[in-house]
N, C-alpha and C. Protein backbone atom coordinates (compact mmCIF):
# COMPACT_ATOMS: atom_id res chain seq x y z
N MET A 1 8.35 -20.81 21.94
CA MET A 1 8.05 -20.14 21.62
C MET A 1 8.95 -19.47 20.31
N GLY A 2 9.96 -20.26 20.38
CA GLY A 2 10.71 -20.17 19.13
C GLY A 2 9.76 -19.66 17.70
N PHE A 3 8.54 -21.12 17.64
CA PHE A 3 8.71 -21.12 16.23
C PHE A 3 7.71 -20.22 16.13
N PHE A 4 6.69 -19.86 17.26
CA PHE A 4 5.70 -18.75 17.18
C PHE A 4 6.80 -16.92 16.42
N ASN A 5 7.97 -17.04 17.37
CA ASN A 5 8.32 -15.68 16.87
C ASN A 5 9.36 -16.16 15.71
N ASN A 6 9.60 -17.29 15.17
CA ASN A 6 10.20 -17.56 13.84
C ASN A 6 9.10 -16.86 12.71
N LEU A 7 7.20 -17.55 13.41
CA LEU A 7 6.17 -17.36 12.26
C LEU A 7 6.19 -15.41 12.58
N GLY A 8 5.85 -15.03 13.07
CA GLY A 8 5.77 -13.62 13.52
C GLY A 8 6.75 -13.60 12.43
N ARG A 9 7.98 -13.46 12.19
CA ARG A 9 9.32 -12.60 11.46
C ARG A 9 8.81 -12.62 10.14
N LYS A 10 8.38 -14.47 9.77
CA LYS A 10 8.06 -14.68 7.86
C LYS A 10 6.38 -13.74 7.45
N VAL A 11 5.78 -13.79 8.51
CA VAL A 11 4.59 -12.79 8.57
C VAL A 11 5.12 -11.53 8.13
N GLU A 12 5.45 -11.15 8.69
CA GLU A 12 6.31 -9.54 8.83
C GLU A 12 6.69 -9.22 7.15
N GLU A 13 7.70 -10.40 6.80
CA GLU A 13 8.59 -10.00 5.88
C GLU A 13 8.05 -10.27 4.53
N PHE A 14 6.38 -11.62 4.60
CA PHE A 14 5.43 -11.22 3.66
C PHE A 14 4.56 -10.29 3.39
N LYS A 15 4.68 -9.48 4.63
CA LYS A 15 3.88 -8.30 4.09
C LYS A 15 4.73 -7.02 3.73
N ARG A 16 5.90 -6.64 3.88
CA ARG A 16 6.71 -6.14 3.58
C ARG A 16 6.15 -6.57 1.87
N ASP A 17 6.52 -7.87 1.73
CA ASP A 17 7.22 -7.95 0.29
C ASP A 17 5.87 -7.97 -0.29
N VAL A 18 4.28 -7.81 -0.03
CA VAL A 18 2.88 -7.79 -0.40
C VAL A 18 3.28 -6.08 -0.80
N ASP A 19 3.43 -5.15 -0.21
CA ASP A 19 3.57 -3.35 0.21
C ASP A 19 4.47 -3.60 -0.94
N SER A 20 5.36 -4.07 -1.01
CA SER A 20 6.37 -3.87 -2.45
C SER A 20 5.95 -3.86 -3.93
N ALA A 21 5.25 -4.36 -3.73
CA ALA A 21 4.66 -5.45 -4.84
C ALA A 21 2.95 -4.55 -4.97
N LYS A 22 2.58 -4.46 -4.19
CA LYS A 22 1.95 -2.81 -4.47
C LYS A 22 1.41 -1.90 -5.73
N ALA A 23 2.92 -1.83 -4.47
CA ALA A 23 3.11 -0.32 -5.17
C ALA A 23 4.30 -0.21 -5.86
N ASP A 24 4.64 -0.88 -6.90
CA ASP A 24 5.41 -1.56 -8.12
C ASP A 24 4.29 -1.33 -8.88
N GLU A 25 2.98 -1.65 -8.82
CA GLU A 25 1.97 -2.35 -9.64
C GLU A 25 0.83 -0.90 -9.64
N ALA A 26 0.71 0.03 -8.12
CA ALA A 26 0.36 1.27 -8.84
C ALA A 26 0.38 1.72 -9.48
N THR A 27 -0.92 2.05 -9.94
CA THR A 27 -1.50 3.23 -11.71
C THR A 27 -1.26 5.06 -10.85
N HIS A 28 -2.32 5.13 -10.02
CA HIS A 28 -2.64 6.08 -8.83
C HIS A 28 -2.35 6.35 -7.82
N GLN A 29 -2.10 7.37 -7.52
CA GLN A 29 -1.70 7.88 -6.18
C GLN A 29 -2.32 9.32 -5.78
N CYS A 30 -2.45 9.51 -4.03
CA CYS A 30 -3.15 10.88 -3.43
C CYS A 30 -1.82 10.84 -3.16
N THR A 31 -1.47 12.38 -4.06
CA THR A 31 -0.25 13.30 -3.52
C THR A 31 -0.43 14.35 -1.95
N ALA A 32 -1.91 14.14 -1.49
CA ALA A 32 -1.52 14.79 -0.43
C ALA A 32 -1.53 13.20 0.90
N CYS A 33 -1.71 11.93 1.07
CA CYS A 33 -1.40 11.56 1.17
C CYS A 33 -0.47 9.94 1.55
N ASP A 34 -0.51 10.10 0.15
CA ASP A 34 0.56 8.59 -0.58
C ASP A 34 0.08 7.81 -0.49
N HIS A 35 -1.36 7.74 -0.30
CA HIS A 35 -1.91 5.94 -0.48
C HIS A 35 -2.57 5.84 -1.88
N LEU A 36 -2.30 4.96 -2.09
CA LEU A 36 -1.99 4.17 -3.81
C LEU A 36 -3.08 3.70 -4.35
N TYR A 37 -3.24 3.79 -5.83
CA TYR A 37 -4.52 2.75 -6.05
C TYR A 37 -4.53 2.04 -7.63
N PHE A 38 -5.10 1.34 -8.00
CA PHE A 38 -5.33 0.77 -9.09
C PHE A 38 -5.73 0.80 -10.03
N ALA A 39 -6.37 2.15 -9.97
CA ALA A 39 -7.53 2.74 -11.12
C ALA A 39 -7.27 4.43 -10.66
N ALA A 40 -7.72 5.24 -11.39
CA ALA A 40 -8.03 6.20 -11.32
C ALA A 40 -9.23 6.59 -9.80
N ARG A 41 -9.67 8.06 -9.22
CA ARG A 41 -10.39 7.69 -8.14
C ARG A 41 -10.75 9.49 -8.33
N GLU A 42 -12.29 9.81 -8.29
CA GLU A 42 -12.71 11.21 -8.02
C GLU A 42 -12.09 11.54 -7.22
N GLU A 43 -11.91 10.59 -6.08
CA GLU A 43 -10.78 11.68 -4.65
C GLU A 43 -10.78 10.19 -3.90
N CYS A 44 -9.33 10.34 -2.59
CA CYS A 44 -8.65 9.83 -2.05
C CYS A 44 -9.78 8.82 -0.47
N ASP A 45 -9.60 7.56 -0.95
CA ASP A 45 -10.71 6.97 -0.04
C ASP A 45 -9.74 6.95 1.89
N GLU A 46 -8.73 7.40 1.76
CA GLU A 46 -7.95 7.75 2.92
C GLU A 46 -8.47 9.17 3.14
N CYS A 47 -8.27 10.30 2.88
CA CYS A 47 -7.88 11.42 3.01
C CYS A 47 -9.35 12.34 3.37
N GLY A 48 -10.21 11.90 1.65
CA GLY A 48 -10.51 12.85 1.55
C GLY A 48 -10.71 13.89 0.09
N ARG A 49 -9.39 14.09 -0.17
CA ARG A 49 -9.22 15.36 -0.65
C ARG A 49 -9.41 14.56 -2.39
N ASP A 50 -9.56 15.94 -3.13
CA ASP A 50 -9.39 15.43 -4.29
C ASP A 50 -8.09 15.71 -5.22
N ALA A 51 -6.59 14.38 -4.38
CA ALA A 51 -5.74 14.89 -5.26
C ALA A 51 -4.60 13.25 -5.82
N VAL A 52 -5.86 12.44 -6.05
CA VAL A 52 -5.66 11.54 -6.75
C VAL A 52 -4.98 12.08 -8.44
N VAL A 53 -3.65 11.54 -8.26
CA VAL A 53 -3.46 11.59 -9.58
C VAL A 53 -2.94 10.74 -10.44
N GLU A 54 -2.76 10.46 -11.87
CA GLU A 54 -1.70 8.91 -12.36
C GLU A 54 -0.30 8.96 -11.73
N ARG A 55 0.55 8.30 -12.07
CA ARG A 55 1.69 7.84 -11.49
C ARG A 55 2.60 7.80 -12.48
């Protein structure tokens, strides 16, 4: 089981790194739910509100 525990920790670490990189590169964000985007949008795909603004 040690191998799988170690693998699981590495995967979680990788996911955190990816999320952090996404947050650094996002150009727009929904002010209602904080979802991040890389381009302008009319409304948020997550919550459906028209609260997407440039960061």
